[in-house]
Structures are given as structure tokens and as C-alpha cells.
């Protein structure tokens, strides 16, 4: 029998797992990706899925996230799945409240229905984006990987598969340089340059540039030697 899209036990049971999924495209259509976090009935994370999809639409990405969650549940023998998505269109199409008019989405809807039929219990619900933060983060990480967008200070950390940072263990494994190979300490006197600061950036007059790794002390013009 086809599992109910609305009914679920009054209290979570060990059989139920919950998948928060999200998809997006930068440009719609544009570089697209989806992300999903799957947890057991106690909130323990079972899996995180994140995939770049190429040049697609938002709705294609949303359906791709749903299909990935369904397939994960099937492959890992979880018979009862609840999906939470911030795509009201996809949720209501799966629930049968909206018709699927897009020829691009119809095959995805049909495939989702086919996978849902393999489960014993299924439920899908709509949630606002702020309640779907982890899935949104994973979807954006997928789009970042696909477009190789440089990270900024406000971005969340990349997943553990990203380039590992240098650790103390591999620093200590580097051979110690001999005294002859070490750069000699500089005995030069401090160099006085004239310039100004703007928005926290130092601008040197005369086209000079500051070497990397130098210590800079900024003096007001009145305090400079004549």
C-alpha cells in the first residue's frame, strides 16, 4: 500500500528518521546544489548529503534533495521517513495539493512517488528557511564547491573534505634548517616612509610598497622628524 503523506506516530519511534533537505540555484537557473541532514528519532545525525548539480533551477534542486533523501532511506533500510523542506511548492505537489505543471519537474515528481512507494511510512512537511539551517548550509556548500567561490569571513566553515589545515604534527616533521640556511637577522635601521591610512588600509606615498611580515608603527605627521 502507498504510505500516508500526513499520518505519523504521536511520539517518535526508533523506526522513524527525519531528513531536512534544501536546494537552490544562484540565478535560477544558475549554479545549483542541494543539501540534506538526516537524523534518527533522538536527533542524532546519521548522514549529511551535499551535491552540486550544475546549471539548474531552484525547483530542480529542491526535488533532487528530496530524491537523495528517499534513496538514502531505501539504501540504508529505514522504512519510515519524514522530510522537512522549505519549498512549499514541492511539499504541496508531493502531498497532492498542487498539480505538477512543469514538464521539467514532472519526471522528478514521478520518481519521488516511485521511491516513496518503497517505504512503509512517509511524511513530508513545510518549514520556513530559518528552521532548515543545516540543510541550507549544506546546499550552499555544494554551490560553493561547484563555482569555487572564495570564502569570506562571514561564511560557515567548509566540510571536513576540504583542504586540511596544517597541524602541529606535520609542522614538527619538517627538517630543521641549519644555521647557515637560516636567514640572518636584519641589523638595518627602521625605514621611515610617508603615507596615510584609509578604512584601515595603509597607503604609502611615492609608489613604495610594504614588504610582507614587517612591523609598522604609524606616527602622526607632527611627530615625524624634520
N, C-alpha and C. Protein backbone atom coordinates (compact mmCIF):
# COMPACT_ATOMS: atom_id res chain seq x y z
N UNK A 1 0.83 -1.21 0.00
CA UNK A 1 0.00 0.00 0.00
C UNK A 1 0.86 1.25 0.00
N UNK A 2 0.34 2.33 -0.58
CA UNK A 2 1.07 3.59 -0.62
C UNK A 2 1.11 4.22 0.76
N UNK A 3 2.29 4.60 1.26
CA UNK A 3 2.37 5.18 2.61
C UNK A 3 1.67 6.52 2.68
N UNK A 4 1.14 6.84 3.86
CA UNK A 4 0.46 8.11 4.07
C UNK A 4 1.45 9.26 4.05
N UNK A 5 1.05 10.39 3.46
CA UNK A 5 1.91 11.57 3.42
C UNK A 5 1.70 12.44 4.65
N UNK A 6 0.71 12.15 5.46
CA UNK A 6 0.38 13.04 6.57
C UNK A 6 0.46 12.32 7.92
N UNK A 7 0.08 11.05 7.95
CA UNK A 7 0.00 10.36 9.23
C UNK A 7 1.40 9.96 9.71
N UNK A 8 1.61 10.12 11.01
CA UNK A 8 2.84 9.66 11.64
C UNK A 8 2.51 9.36 13.09
N UNK A 9 3.33 8.59 13.77
CA UNK A 9 3.01 8.25 15.15
C UNK A 9 2.98 9.48 16.04
N UNK A 10 2.15 9.43 17.11
CA UNK A 10 2.03 10.56 18.02
C UNK A 10 3.37 10.88 18.67
N UNK A 11 4.16 9.86 18.97
CA UNK A 11 5.50 10.05 19.51
C UNK A 11 6.50 9.36 18.60
N UNK A 12 7.70 9.93 18.42
CA UNK A 12 8.68 9.29 17.53
C UNK A 12 9.02 7.88 18.00
N UNK A 13 9.21 6.99 17.07
CA UNK A 13 9.63 5.63 17.38
C UNK A 13 11.00 5.42 16.77
N UNK A 14 11.73 4.40 17.19
CA UNK A 14 13.06 4.16 16.64
C UNK A 14 13.07 3.95 15.13
N UNK A 15 11.92 3.62 14.55
CA UNK A 15 11.88 3.37 13.10
C UNK A 15 11.89 4.64 12.27
N UNK A 16 11.45 5.77 12.84
CA UNK A 16 11.32 6.99 12.07
C UNK A 16 12.65 7.74 12.02
N UNK A 17 13.01 8.20 10.85
CA UNK A 17 14.14 9.12 10.69
C UNK A 17 13.61 10.40 10.05
N UNK A 18 14.32 11.50 10.27
CA UNK A 18 13.89 12.81 9.74
C UNK A 18 14.99 13.39 8.87
N UNK A 19 14.61 13.85 7.70
CA UNK A 19 15.56 14.46 6.76
C UNK A 19 15.16 15.92 6.51
N UNK A 20 16.05 16.84 6.87
CA UNK A 20 15.89 18.24 6.48
C UNK A 20 16.61 18.42 5.15
N UNK A 21 15.92 18.85 4.11
CA UNK A 21 16.56 18.99 2.81
C UNK A 21 16.29 20.38 2.24
N UNK A 22 17.21 20.83 1.40
CA UNK A 22 17.10 22.15 0.79
C UNK A 22 17.85 22.13 -0.54
N UNK A 23 17.39 22.95 -1.47
CA UNK A 23 18.07 23.10 -2.75
C UNK A 23 17.98 24.53 -3.21
N UNK A 24 18.92 24.95 -4.03
CA UNK A 24 18.92 26.32 -4.51
C UNK A 24 19.73 26.47 -5.77
N UNK A 25 19.54 27.60 -6.43
CA UNK A 25 20.29 27.94 -7.64
C UNK A 25 20.60 29.43 -7.61
N UNK A 26 21.81 29.78 -7.92
CA UNK A 26 22.22 31.18 -7.93
C UNK A 26 22.00 31.75 -9.33
N UNK A 27 20.85 32.37 -9.49
CA UNK A 27 20.48 32.90 -10.80
C UNK A 27 19.15 32.37 -11.28
N UNK A 28 18.82 31.15 -10.94
CA UNK A 28 17.52 30.49 -11.22
C UNK A 28 17.03 30.66 -12.67
N UNK A 29 17.55 29.95 -13.66
CA UNK A 29 18.56 28.90 -13.46
C UNK A 29 19.97 29.46 -13.29
N UNK A 30 20.80 28.65 -12.69
CA UNK A 30 22.18 29.02 -12.45
C UNK A 30 22.88 27.88 -11.74
N UNK A 31 24.08 28.12 -11.21
CA UNK A 31 24.79 27.08 -10.47
C UNK A 31 23.92 26.60 -9.30
N UNK A 32 23.62 25.31 -9.28
CA UNK A 32 22.64 24.78 -8.33
C UNK A 32 23.23 23.65 -7.50
N UNK A 33 22.64 23.44 -6.35
CA UNK A 33 23.06 22.34 -5.48
C UNK A 33 22.01 22.07 -4.43
N UNK A 34 22.13 20.93 -3.77
CA UNK A 34 21.21 20.61 -2.69
C UNK A 34 22.00 20.11 -1.49
N UNK A 35 21.36 20.15 -0.34
CA UNK A 35 21.95 19.62 0.88
C UNK A 35 20.87 18.99 1.73
N UNK A 36 21.26 18.01 2.53
CA UNK A 36 20.30 17.34 3.41
C UNK A 36 21.03 16.82 4.64
N UNK A 37 20.36 16.94 5.78
CA UNK A 37 20.85 16.35 7.02
C UNK A 37 19.79 15.37 7.51
N UNK A 38 20.22 14.14 7.77
CA UNK A 38 19.30 13.07 8.16
C UNK A 38 19.60 12.67 9.60
N UNK A 39 18.57 12.65 10.45
CA UNK A 39 18.73 12.35 11.87
C UNK A 39 17.78 11.21 12.27
N UNK A 40 18.15 10.52 13.36
CA UNK A 40 17.26 9.49 13.88
C UNK A 40 16.22 10.12 14.79
N UNK A 41 15.41 9.28 15.45
CA UNK A 41 14.31 9.79 16.27
C UNK A 41 14.80 10.55 17.50
N UNK A 42 16.07 10.40 17.85
CA UNK A 42 16.63 11.09 19.01
C UNK A 42 17.44 12.32 18.61
N UNK A 43 17.43 12.67 17.32
CA UNK A 43 18.15 13.85 16.85
C UNK A 43 19.61 13.61 16.54
N UNK A 44 20.06 12.37 16.59
CA UNK A 44 21.46 12.07 16.26
C UNK A 44 21.62 12.06 14.74
N UNK A 45 22.63 12.78 14.26
CA UNK A 45 22.85 12.90 12.82
C UNK A 45 23.35 11.57 12.26
N UNK A 46 22.62 11.06 11.29
CA UNK A 46 23.00 9.82 10.62
C UNK A 46 23.81 10.07 9.36
N UNK A 47 23.50 11.16 8.65
CA UNK A 47 24.17 11.44 7.38
C UNK A 47 23.97 12.89 7.00
N UNK A 48 24.94 13.43 6.26
CA UNK A 48 24.82 14.73 5.61
C UNK A 48 25.14 14.55 4.14
N UNK A 49 24.24 15.02 3.29
CA UNK A 49 24.38 14.86 1.84
C UNK A 49 24.47 16.23 1.21
N UNK A 50 25.39 16.40 0.29
CA UNK A 50 25.58 17.70 -0.36
C UNK A 50 26.11 17.45 -1.77
N UNK A 51 25.43 18.00 -2.77
CA UNK A 51 25.84 17.72 -4.16
C UNK A 51 25.62 18.93 -5.06
N UNK A 52 26.61 19.21 -5.90
CA UNK A 52 26.48 20.25 -6.91
C UNK A 52 25.81 19.66 -8.15
N UNK A 53 24.88 20.40 -8.75
CA UNK A 53 24.05 19.87 -9.83
C UNK A 53 24.32 20.51 -11.19
N UNK A 54 25.18 21.51 -11.24
CA UNK A 54 25.40 22.20 -12.49
C UNK A 54 24.40 23.34 -12.67
N UNK A 55 24.09 23.68 -13.90
CA UNK A 55 23.21 24.82 -14.22
C UNK A 55 21.76 24.34 -14.20
N UNK A 56 21.06 24.60 -13.09
CA UNK A 56 19.68 24.12 -12.91
C UNK A 56 18.83 25.19 -12.25
N UNK A 57 17.55 24.87 -12.06
CA UNK A 57 16.63 25.79 -11.38
C UNK A 57 16.53 25.45 -9.89
N UNK A 58 15.96 26.39 -9.13
CA UNK A 58 15.72 26.14 -7.71
C UNK A 58 14.87 24.90 -7.49
N UNK A 59 13.77 24.79 -8.24
CA UNK A 59 12.85 23.67 -8.04
C UNK A 59 13.48 22.33 -8.39
N UNK A 60 14.31 22.32 -9.44
CA UNK A 60 15.04 21.09 -9.78
C UNK A 60 15.93 20.68 -8.61
N UNK A 61 16.61 21.66 -8.01
CA UNK A 61 17.50 21.37 -6.89
C UNK A 61 16.71 20.87 -5.67
N UNK A 62 15.54 21.46 -5.42
CA UNK A 62 14.72 21.03 -4.29
C UNK A 62 14.30 19.57 -4.47
N UNK A 63 13.85 19.22 -5.66
CA UNK A 63 13.43 17.84 -5.92
C UNK A 63 14.63 16.88 -5.85
N UNK A 64 15.79 17.34 -6.30
CA UNK A 64 16.98 16.49 -6.23
C UNK A 64 17.34 16.17 -4.78
N UNK A 65 17.16 17.16 -3.89
CA UNK A 65 17.40 16.90 -2.48
C UNK A 65 16.42 15.88 -1.91
N UNK A 66 15.15 16.00 -2.27
CA UNK A 66 14.16 15.03 -1.82
C UNK A 66 14.49 13.62 -2.31
N UNK A 67 14.84 13.50 -3.59
CA UNK A 67 15.17 12.19 -4.16
C UNK A 67 16.37 11.58 -3.45
N UNK A 68 17.36 12.42 -3.11
CA UNK A 68 18.54 11.90 -2.43
C UNK A 68 18.18 11.36 -1.04
N UNK A 69 17.29 12.06 -0.33
CA UNK A 69 16.87 11.59 0.99
C UNK A 69 16.10 10.28 0.90
N UNK A 70 15.20 10.20 -0.07
CA UNK A 70 14.44 8.96 -0.27
C UNK A 70 15.36 7.79 -0.59
N UNK A 71 16.33 8.02 -1.46
CA UNK A 71 17.23 6.93 -1.85
C UNK A 71 18.10 6.51 -0.67
N UNK A 72 18.52 7.47 0.14
CA UNK A 72 19.35 7.13 1.30
C UNK A 72 18.56 6.26 2.27
N UNK A 73 17.30 6.61 2.50
CA UNK A 73 16.47 5.81 3.39
C UNK A 73 16.28 4.40 2.85
N UNK A 74 16.06 4.28 1.54
CA UNK A 74 15.87 2.97 0.93
C UNK A 74 17.15 2.14 1.02
N UNK A 75 18.28 2.74 0.65
CA UNK A 75 19.55 2.01 0.63
C UNK A 75 19.98 1.57 2.02
N UNK A 76 19.60 2.35 3.05
CA UNK A 76 20.04 2.04 4.40
C UNK A 76 18.94 1.39 5.25
N UNK A 77 17.89 0.94 4.58
CA UNK A 77 16.85 0.11 5.20
C UNK A 77 16.13 0.82 6.35
N UNK A 78 15.75 2.07 6.10
CA UNK A 78 14.93 2.82 7.04
C UNK A 78 13.52 2.91 6.45
N UNK A 79 12.56 2.23 7.01
CA UNK A 79 11.23 2.14 6.37
C UNK A 79 10.33 3.34 6.60
N UNK A 80 10.68 4.21 7.57
CA UNK A 80 9.79 5.34 7.89
C UNK A 80 10.59 6.63 7.83
N UNK A 81 10.21 7.52 6.93
CA UNK A 81 10.96 8.75 6.68
C UNK A 81 10.05 9.96 6.74
N UNK A 82 10.50 10.97 7.49
CA UNK A 82 9.83 12.27 7.48
C UNK A 82 10.78 13.28 6.84
N UNK A 83 10.30 14.02 5.86
CA UNK A 83 11.10 15.02 5.15
C UNK A 83 10.57 16.40 5.51
N UNK A 84 11.50 17.30 5.83
CA UNK A 84 11.16 18.70 6.10
C UNK A 84 11.87 19.57 5.08
N UNK A 85 11.13 20.40 4.37
CA UNK A 85 11.67 21.24 3.30
C UNK A 85 11.08 22.63 3.39
N UNK A 86 11.85 23.64 2.95
CA UNK A 86 11.29 24.99 2.91
C UNK A 86 10.71 25.33 1.55
N UNK A 87 10.61 24.33 0.66
CA UNK A 87 9.97 24.53 -0.64
C UNK A 87 8.48 24.18 -0.54
N UNK A 88 7.65 25.21 -0.41
CA UNK A 88 6.22 24.98 -0.29
C UNK A 88 5.67 24.33 -1.56
N UNK A 89 6.19 24.73 -2.72
CA UNK A 89 5.71 24.16 -3.98
C UNK A 89 5.94 22.65 -4.01
N UNK A 90 7.18 22.22 -3.73
CA UNK A 90 7.47 20.79 -3.80
C UNK A 90 6.66 20.01 -2.76
N UNK A 91 6.59 20.53 -1.54
CA UNK A 91 5.86 19.83 -0.48
C UNK A 91 4.40 19.62 -0.88
N UNK A 92 3.75 20.67 -1.38
CA UNK A 92 2.33 20.55 -1.71
C UNK A 92 2.12 19.73 -2.98
N UNK A 93 3.09 19.69 -3.87
CA UNK A 93 2.97 18.82 -5.04
C UNK A 93 3.07 17.35 -4.62
N UNK A 94 3.99 17.05 -3.70
CA UNK A 94 4.12 15.68 -3.23
C UNK A 94 2.88 15.27 -2.44
N UNK A 95 2.31 16.21 -1.68
CA UNK A 95 1.09 15.92 -0.92
C UNK A 95 -0.14 15.82 -1.81
N UNK A 96 -0.03 16.22 -3.07
CA UNK A 96 -1.17 16.17 -3.97
C UNK A 96 -2.06 17.39 -3.91
N UNK A 97 -1.61 18.44 -3.21
CA UNK A 97 -2.41 19.66 -3.10
C UNK A 97 -2.19 20.60 -4.28
N UNK A 98 -1.03 20.52 -4.93
CA UNK A 98 -0.74 21.29 -6.13
C UNK A 98 -0.48 20.33 -7.28
N UNK A 99 -0.91 20.74 -8.47
CA UNK A 99 -0.61 19.96 -9.66
C UNK A 99 0.82 20.26 -10.14
N UNK A 100 1.43 19.29 -10.80
CA UNK A 100 2.77 19.47 -11.36
C UNK A 100 2.60 19.88 -12.82
N UNK A 101 2.77 21.15 -13.10
CA UNK A 101 2.56 21.66 -14.46
C UNK A 101 3.85 21.75 -15.27
N UNK A 102 4.99 21.81 -14.60
CA UNK A 102 6.26 21.96 -15.30
C UNK A 102 6.70 20.64 -15.91
N UNK A 103 6.99 20.60 -17.22
CA UNK A 103 7.47 19.35 -17.83
C UNK A 103 8.85 18.94 -17.31
N UNK A 104 9.61 19.89 -16.77
CA UNK A 104 10.92 19.56 -16.22
C UNK A 104 10.80 18.89 -14.85
N UNK A 105 9.76 19.25 -14.10
CA UNK A 105 9.59 18.70 -12.76
C UNK A 105 8.78 17.41 -12.73
N UNK A 106 7.98 17.18 -13.75
CA UNK A 106 7.10 16.01 -13.74
C UNK A 106 7.88 14.70 -13.58
N UNK A 107 8.97 14.47 -14.34
CA UNK A 107 9.71 13.21 -14.15
C UNK A 107 10.28 13.08 -12.73
N UNK A 108 10.69 14.21 -12.14
CA UNK A 108 11.22 14.16 -10.78
C UNK A 108 10.12 13.82 -9.78
N UNK A 109 8.95 14.40 -9.97
CA UNK A 109 7.81 14.09 -9.11
C UNK A 109 7.44 12.61 -9.22
N UNK A 110 7.42 12.10 -10.45
CA UNK A 110 7.09 10.69 -10.66
C UNK A 110 8.11 9.77 -9.99
N UNK A 111 9.38 10.13 -10.09
CA UNK A 111 10.42 9.30 -9.47
C UNK A 111 10.31 9.37 -7.95
N UNK A 112 9.99 10.54 -7.41
CA UNK A 112 9.81 10.66 -5.96
C UNK A 112 8.66 9.77 -5.50
N UNK A 113 7.56 9.76 -6.24
CA UNK A 113 6.43 8.91 -5.88
C UNK A 113 6.82 7.43 -5.93
N UNK A 114 7.63 7.08 -6.90
CA UNK A 114 8.06 5.68 -7.02
C UNK A 114 8.90 5.27 -5.81
N UNK A 115 9.77 6.16 -5.36
CA UNK A 115 10.62 5.83 -4.21
C UNK A 115 9.81 5.86 -2.91
N UNK A 116 8.86 6.78 -2.80
CA UNK A 116 8.01 6.82 -1.62
C UNK A 116 7.26 5.51 -1.45
N UNK A 117 6.82 4.92 -2.56
CA UNK A 117 6.06 3.67 -2.51
C UNK A 117 6.89 2.51 -1.96
N UNK A 118 8.20 2.65 -1.94
CA UNK A 118 9.07 1.60 -1.40
C UNK A 118 9.18 1.67 0.13
N UNK A 119 8.69 2.75 0.72
CA UNK A 119 8.76 2.91 2.16
C UNK A 119 7.46 2.44 2.82
N UNK A 120 7.53 2.09 4.08
CA UNK A 120 6.34 1.70 4.83
C UNK A 120 5.58 2.93 5.31
N UNK A 121 6.31 3.98 5.71
CA UNK A 121 5.70 5.21 6.18
C UNK A 121 6.48 6.40 5.64
N UNK A 122 5.74 7.43 5.25
CA UNK A 122 6.39 8.63 4.72
C UNK A 122 5.55 9.84 5.11
N UNK A 123 6.26 10.91 5.46
CA UNK A 123 5.59 12.17 5.79
C UNK A 123 6.45 13.30 5.26
N UNK A 124 5.82 14.33 4.71
CA UNK A 124 6.56 15.49 4.24
C UNK A 124 5.88 16.75 4.76
N UNK A 125 6.70 17.70 5.22
CA UNK A 125 6.14 18.92 5.83
C UNK A 125 6.95 20.12 5.39
N UNK A 126 6.27 21.28 5.37
CA UNK A 126 6.92 22.53 5.00
C UNK A 126 7.39 23.25 6.26
N UNK A 127 8.58 23.86 6.18
CA UNK A 127 9.11 24.67 7.27
C UNK A 127 9.75 25.91 6.68
N UNK A 128 9.74 26.99 7.42
CA UNK A 128 10.41 28.20 6.97
C UNK A 128 11.92 28.00 6.99
N UNK A 129 12.61 28.81 6.20
CA UNK A 129 14.04 28.60 5.99
C UNK A 129 14.84 28.64 7.28
N UNK A 130 14.45 29.51 8.23
CA UNK A 130 15.24 29.61 9.46
C UNK A 130 15.16 28.35 10.31
N UNK A 131 14.21 27.46 10.00
CA UNK A 131 14.12 26.17 10.69
C UNK A 131 14.77 25.06 9.87
N UNK A 132 15.46 25.44 8.82
CA UNK A 132 16.09 24.45 7.93
C UNK A 132 17.54 24.84 7.68
N UNK A 133 18.20 25.37 8.74
CA UNK A 133 19.51 26.00 8.57
C UNK A 133 20.59 25.04 8.11
N UNK A 134 20.63 23.83 8.67
CA UNK A 134 21.71 22.89 8.33
C UNK A 134 21.61 22.45 6.88
N UNK A 135 20.40 22.19 6.41
CA UNK A 135 20.23 21.81 5.00
C UNK A 135 20.60 22.97 4.08
N UNK A 136 20.23 24.19 4.48
CA UNK A 136 20.59 25.37 3.70
C UNK A 136 22.11 25.53 3.63
N UNK A 137 22.79 25.30 4.76
CA UNK A 137 24.25 25.39 4.79
C UNK A 137 24.88 24.37 3.84
N UNK A 138 24.38 23.15 3.86
CA UNK A 138 24.94 22.10 3.01
C UNK A 138 24.68 22.39 1.53
N UNK A 139 23.51 22.94 1.22
CA UNK A 139 23.21 23.30 -0.17
C UNK A 139 24.15 24.40 -0.66
N UNK A 140 24.40 25.39 0.18
CA UNK A 140 25.31 26.46 -0.21
C UNK A 140 26.75 25.98 -0.35
N UNK A 141 27.15 25.03 0.50
CA UNK A 141 28.49 24.45 0.36
C UNK A 141 28.62 23.71 -0.97
N UNK A 142 27.56 23.04 -1.40
CA UNK A 142 27.59 22.36 -2.69
C UNK A 142 27.75 23.37 -3.82
N UNK A 143 27.02 24.48 -3.76
CA UNK A 143 27.14 25.51 -4.80
C UNK A 143 28.51 26.17 -4.76
N UNK A 144 29.05 26.35 -3.56
CA UNK A 144 30.40 26.91 -3.44
C UNK A 144 31.43 26.01 -4.10
N UNK A 145 31.32 24.72 -3.86
CA UNK A 145 32.27 23.77 -4.47
C UNK A 145 32.18 23.80 -5.99
N UNK A 146 30.95 23.88 -6.50
CA UNK A 146 30.77 23.86 -7.95
C UNK A 146 31.28 25.12 -8.62
N UNK A 147 31.14 26.25 -7.96
CA UNK A 147 31.56 27.51 -8.55
C UNK A 147 32.92 27.97 -8.04
N UNK A 148 33.46 27.24 -7.03
CA UNK A 148 34.75 27.58 -6.43
C UNK A 148 34.78 29.03 -5.98
N UNK A 149 33.68 29.44 -5.33
CA UNK A 149 33.59 30.80 -4.82
C UNK A 149 34.53 30.97 -3.64
N UNK A 150 35.35 32.04 -3.62
CA UNK A 150 36.23 32.25 -2.47
C UNK A 150 35.45 32.50 -1.21
N UNK A 151 35.95 31.98 -0.09
CA UNK A 151 35.29 32.14 1.19
C UNK A 151 35.53 33.54 1.77
N UNK A 152 34.57 34.00 2.55
CA UNK A 152 34.71 35.28 3.24
C UNK A 152 34.60 35.04 4.74
N UNK A 153 34.90 36.08 5.52
CA UNK A 153 34.94 35.93 6.97
C UNK A 153 33.60 35.49 7.54
N UNK A 154 32.50 35.88 6.91
CA UNK A 154 31.19 35.55 7.44
C UNK A 154 30.65 34.20 7.01
N UNK A 155 31.38 33.48 6.15
CA UNK A 155 30.91 32.20 5.65
C UNK A 155 31.07 31.11 6.71
N UNK A 156 30.18 30.09 6.71
CA UNK A 156 30.37 28.96 7.61
C UNK A 156 31.57 28.14 7.16
N UNK A 157 32.15 27.33 8.04
CA UNK A 157 33.32 26.53 7.66
C UNK A 157 32.97 25.51 6.61
N UNK A 158 33.94 25.19 5.76
CA UNK A 158 33.74 24.16 4.74
C UNK A 158 33.66 22.79 5.42
N UNK A 159 33.06 21.78 4.73
CA UNK A 159 33.00 20.45 5.31
C UNK A 159 34.39 19.85 5.46
N UNK A 160 34.47 18.74 6.20
CA UNK A 160 35.76 18.15 6.52
C UNK A 160 36.51 17.65 5.30
N UNK A 161 35.83 17.49 4.15
CA UNK A 161 36.50 17.02 2.95
C UNK A 161 37.34 18.10 2.28
N UNK A 162 37.24 19.35 2.77
CA UNK A 162 38.01 20.43 2.19
C UNK A 162 39.48 20.28 2.55
N UNK A 163 40.32 21.15 1.96
CA UNK A 163 41.75 21.12 2.19
C UNK A 163 42.05 21.17 3.68
N UNK A 164 42.77 20.16 4.24
CA UNK A 164 43.02 20.17 5.68
C UNK A 164 43.98 21.29 6.06
N UNK A 165 43.80 21.79 7.28
CA UNK A 165 44.71 22.82 7.75
C UNK A 165 45.99 22.19 8.26
N UNK A 166 47.06 22.99 8.33
CA UNK A 166 48.33 22.48 8.81
C UNK A 166 48.24 22.21 10.30
N UNK A 167 48.68 21.04 10.73
CA UNK A 167 48.62 20.66 12.14
C UNK A 167 50.01 20.70 12.74
N UNK A 168 50.05 20.63 14.07
CA UNK A 168 51.33 20.67 14.76
C UNK A 168 52.18 19.47 14.40
N UNK A 169 51.54 18.30 14.18
CA UNK A 169 52.31 17.09 13.90
C UNK A 169 53.08 17.20 12.60
N UNK A 170 52.46 17.73 11.53
CA UNK A 170 53.22 17.80 10.30
C UNK A 170 54.14 19.01 10.26
N UNK A 171 53.94 19.97 11.16
CA UNK A 171 54.92 21.03 11.28
C UNK A 171 56.20 20.51 11.89
N UNK A 172 56.07 19.67 12.94
CA UNK A 172 57.25 19.17 13.62
C UNK A 172 58.02 18.17 12.78
N UNK A 173 57.39 17.60 11.73
CA UNK A 173 58.09 16.62 10.90
C UNK A 173 59.00 17.27 9.88
N UNK A 174 58.93 18.61 9.73
CA UNK A 174 59.79 19.26 8.76
C UNK A 174 61.23 19.29 9.28
N UNK A 175 62.24 19.02 8.42
CA UNK A 175 63.63 19.02 8.87
C UNK A 175 64.05 20.41 9.33
N UNK A 176 64.83 20.44 10.43
CA UNK A 176 65.33 21.71 10.96
C UNK A 176 66.42 22.23 10.04
N UNK A 177 66.33 23.51 9.69
CA UNK A 177 67.36 24.10 8.83
C UNK A 177 68.61 24.40 9.65
N UNK A 178 69.75 24.24 9.00
CA UNK A 178 71.00 24.56 9.67
C UNK A 178 71.13 26.06 9.84
N UNK A 179 72.12 26.44 10.69
CA UNK A 179 72.32 27.87 10.94
C UNK A 179 72.68 28.61 9.67
N UNK A 180 73.40 27.92 8.76
CA UNK A 180 73.81 28.57 7.51
C UNK A 180 72.61 28.83 6.61
N UNK A 181 71.55 27.96 6.73
CA UNK A 181 70.38 28.10 5.86
C UNK A 181 69.38 29.12 6.40
N UNK A 182 69.47 29.42 7.70
CA UNK A 182 68.50 30.34 8.28
C UNK A 182 68.80 31.77 7.85
N UNK A 183 67.79 32.54 7.58
CA UNK A 183 68.03 33.93 7.20
C UNK A 183 68.64 34.70 8.36
N UNK A 184 69.62 35.50 8.03
CA UNK A 184 70.29 36.29 9.06
C UNK A 184 69.36 37.38 9.56
N UNK A 185 69.47 37.66 10.86
CA UNK A 185 68.64 38.72 11.44
C UNK A 185 69.04 40.06 10.86
N UNK A 186 68.08 40.85 10.54
CA UNK A 186 68.37 42.13 9.91
C UNK A 186 68.88 43.12 10.95
N UNK A 187 70.00 43.81 10.61
CA UNK A 187 70.53 44.84 11.50
C UNK A 187 70.26 46.23 10.96
N UNK A 188 69.45 46.31 9.89
CA UNK A 188 69.17 47.60 9.28
C UNK A 188 68.31 48.44 10.20
N UNK A 189 68.51 49.76 10.14
CA UNK A 189 67.72 50.68 10.95
C UNK A 189 66.31 50.78 10.39
N UNK A 190 65.34 51.09 11.23
CA UNK A 190 63.96 51.23 10.75
C UNK A 190 63.86 52.27 9.63
N UNK A 191 63.11 51.94 8.61
CA UNK A 191 62.95 52.84 7.47
C UNK A 191 61.71 53.70 7.67
N UNK A 192 61.85 54.99 7.41
CA UNK A 192 60.75 55.93 7.58
C UNK A 192 60.08 56.18 6.23
N UNK A 193 58.80 55.87 6.14
CA UNK A 193 58.04 56.11 4.92
C UNK A 193 56.89 57.04 5.25
N UNK A 194 56.49 57.81 4.27
CA UNK A 194 55.35 58.72 4.46
C UNK A 194 54.14 58.18 3.71
N UNK A 195 52.99 58.34 4.34
CA UNK A 195 51.77 57.85 3.71
C UNK A 195 50.57 58.23 4.56
N UNK A 196 49.49 57.46 4.40
CA UNK A 196 48.27 57.74 5.14
C UNK A 196 47.47 56.45 5.23
N UNK A 197 46.50 56.42 6.14
CA UNK A 197 45.61 55.27 6.27
C UNK A 197 44.20 55.69 5.89
N UNK A 198 43.50 54.76 5.26
CA UNK A 198 42.09 54.99 4.89
C UNK A 198 41.35 53.67 5.02
N UNK A 199 40.29 53.66 5.84
CA UNK A 199 39.49 52.46 6.08
C UNK A 199 40.36 51.30 6.54
N UNK A 200 41.36 51.60 7.38
CA UNK A 200 42.20 50.56 7.94
C UNK A 200 43.29 50.06 7.02
N UNK A 201 43.44 50.66 5.81
CA UNK A 201 44.45 50.24 4.84
C UNK A 201 45.55 51.29 4.78
N UNK A 202 46.80 50.82 4.80
CA UNK A 202 47.94 51.73 4.75
C UNK A 202 48.29 52.02 3.29
N UNK A 203 48.39 53.31 2.93
CA UNK A 203 48.78 53.74 1.60
C UNK A 203 50.10 54.49 1.72
N UNK A 204 51.13 54.03 1.02
CA UNK A 204 52.46 54.64 1.08
C UNK A 204 52.62 55.59 -0.09
N UNK A 205 53.09 56.82 0.19
CA UNK A 205 53.31 57.81 -0.86
C UNK A 205 54.55 57.46 -1.66
N UNK A 206 54.54 57.90 -2.92
CA UNK A 206 55.71 57.69 -3.77
C UNK A 206 55.74 56.35 -4.46
N UNK A 207 54.67 55.57 -4.34
CA UNK A 207 54.61 54.29 -5.06
C UNK A 207 55.33 53.16 -4.37
N UNK A 208 55.88 53.38 -3.17
CA UNK A 208 56.57 52.31 -2.46
C UNK A 208 55.54 51.31 -1.93
N UNK A 209 55.99 50.10 -1.62
CA UNK A 209 55.11 49.09 -1.07
C UNK A 209 55.73 48.51 0.19
N UNK A 210 54.90 48.00 1.07
CA UNK A 210 55.37 47.42 2.32
C UNK A 210 55.69 45.94 2.12
N UNK A 211 56.87 45.49 2.53
CA UNK A 211 57.18 44.06 2.44
C UNK A 211 56.26 43.27 3.37
N UNK A 212 56.06 41.99 3.04
CA UNK A 212 55.23 41.14 3.89
C UNK A 212 55.94 40.88 5.22
N UNK A 213 55.17 40.82 6.28
CA UNK A 213 55.69 40.41 7.57
C UNK A 213 56.44 41.47 8.33
N UNK A 214 56.36 42.74 7.94
CA UNK A 214 57.09 43.79 8.64
C UNK A 214 56.21 44.38 9.74
N UNK A 215 56.86 44.93 10.75
CA UNK A 215 56.14 45.63 11.82
C UNK A 215 56.04 47.10 11.44
N UNK A 216 54.84 47.65 11.52
CA UNK A 216 54.61 49.03 11.11
C UNK A 216 54.14 49.83 12.32
N UNK A 217 54.78 50.96 12.55
CA UNK A 217 54.34 51.89 13.58
C UNK A 217 53.93 53.19 12.88
N UNK A 218 52.69 53.60 13.07
CA UNK A 218 52.16 54.79 12.40
C UNK A 218 52.30 55.98 13.34
N UNK A 219 52.95 57.05 12.85
CA UNK A 219 53.16 58.27 13.62
C UNK A 219 52.41 59.43 12.99
N UNK A 220 51.80 60.29 13.80
CA UNK A 220 51.17 61.49 13.22
C UNK A 220 52.22 62.36 12.53
N UNK A 221 51.79 63.13 11.58
CA UNK A 221 52.69 63.96 10.80
C UNK A 221 53.49 64.91 11.70
N UNK A 222 52.87 65.41 12.77
CA UNK A 222 53.55 66.35 13.66
C UNK A 222 54.68 65.73 14.45
N UNK A 223 54.63 64.38 14.63
CA UNK A 223 55.65 63.71 15.41
C UNK A 223 56.84 63.24 14.58
N UNK A 224 56.76 63.38 13.24
CA UNK A 224 57.83 62.90 12.38
C UNK A 224 59.03 63.82 12.48
N UNK A 225 60.25 63.23 12.41
CA UNK A 225 61.46 64.08 12.42
C UNK A 225 61.53 64.93 11.15
N UNK A 226 62.08 66.12 11.29
CA UNK A 226 62.17 67.01 10.12
C UNK A 226 63.32 66.58 9.21
